[in-house]
């Protein structure tokens, strides 16, 4: 974590940030967050992230007592004060102190600046493995702070040599625990559209790639795909070369995936340099 954060209505030393132990964020795991990157001291796709954060607050019945302009200004000040040339910023809104310890209340807003570590270059060059897991995240279209299953299950990932899980229900894929999922078959880019968080990287990849098909994908289709990848703020586009015990395509990152990754990096330069 970087030295300065936003808490209690002002920018303070990050080590001084605190939350009441009876906040619903702690006793019920109820809260929302969003996370975006900075590139060249600029917030990448900031308006998209603010759209999602504000919508998540509304859907979870958590009031935001700051205007969109005020949030932009706070973020700008934090980037400058932390000299965040390339890093991450985490917006969090807790469930608040509830009279009945259950119903949503007026939560506490935090904005933290963080260092950002991408997956190793080896993972981009060789691809990663996912483990299929039958699950649909509750209120999947909201970026809640509840990652209990994924955190619990992550103990198994290293044992299995996996990067993450791939959620599905009755054999129909929705998303990874922290990423969206894509396959490529016969040159066509395909991604699920149901029971997922509408990722900002996903959104901008789709705009860039064009002609992306949004439809249900079965596990069988994923196993038989020519290429596959996951997308997220912290991974951008990470090739998937194995799901469970099945190699994807020829077991190596595919040319379309790698081309999209390079195009996305060029888009970042256009926007932030």
Foldseek 3Di string as FASTA:
>chain_A
DFQWKDWPHGIDGPVPDDDDCLFCCNPVVWWAKFKFKAAQLHTPPVVVRVVQRCVLCVVLVADDPDDPVRVVVRSSVVSVVRVRNIWMKMWIWTQGNDPVSDRRDHTIIMIDTGHADAPDPVQQFQPFEAEEDEDFDVVAQGRGSDLPVQVVCVVCCVVQRGDWYFYDHPQWTAATSAWFKWFAAPRAIEGEDPRHHPAPLNVVLCVVVDPHHYHIDGPVNQLATQWMWTDHNRHSTGTHQYYRHGGHRVSTHDPVSVVSSVVVVVVCVVVND
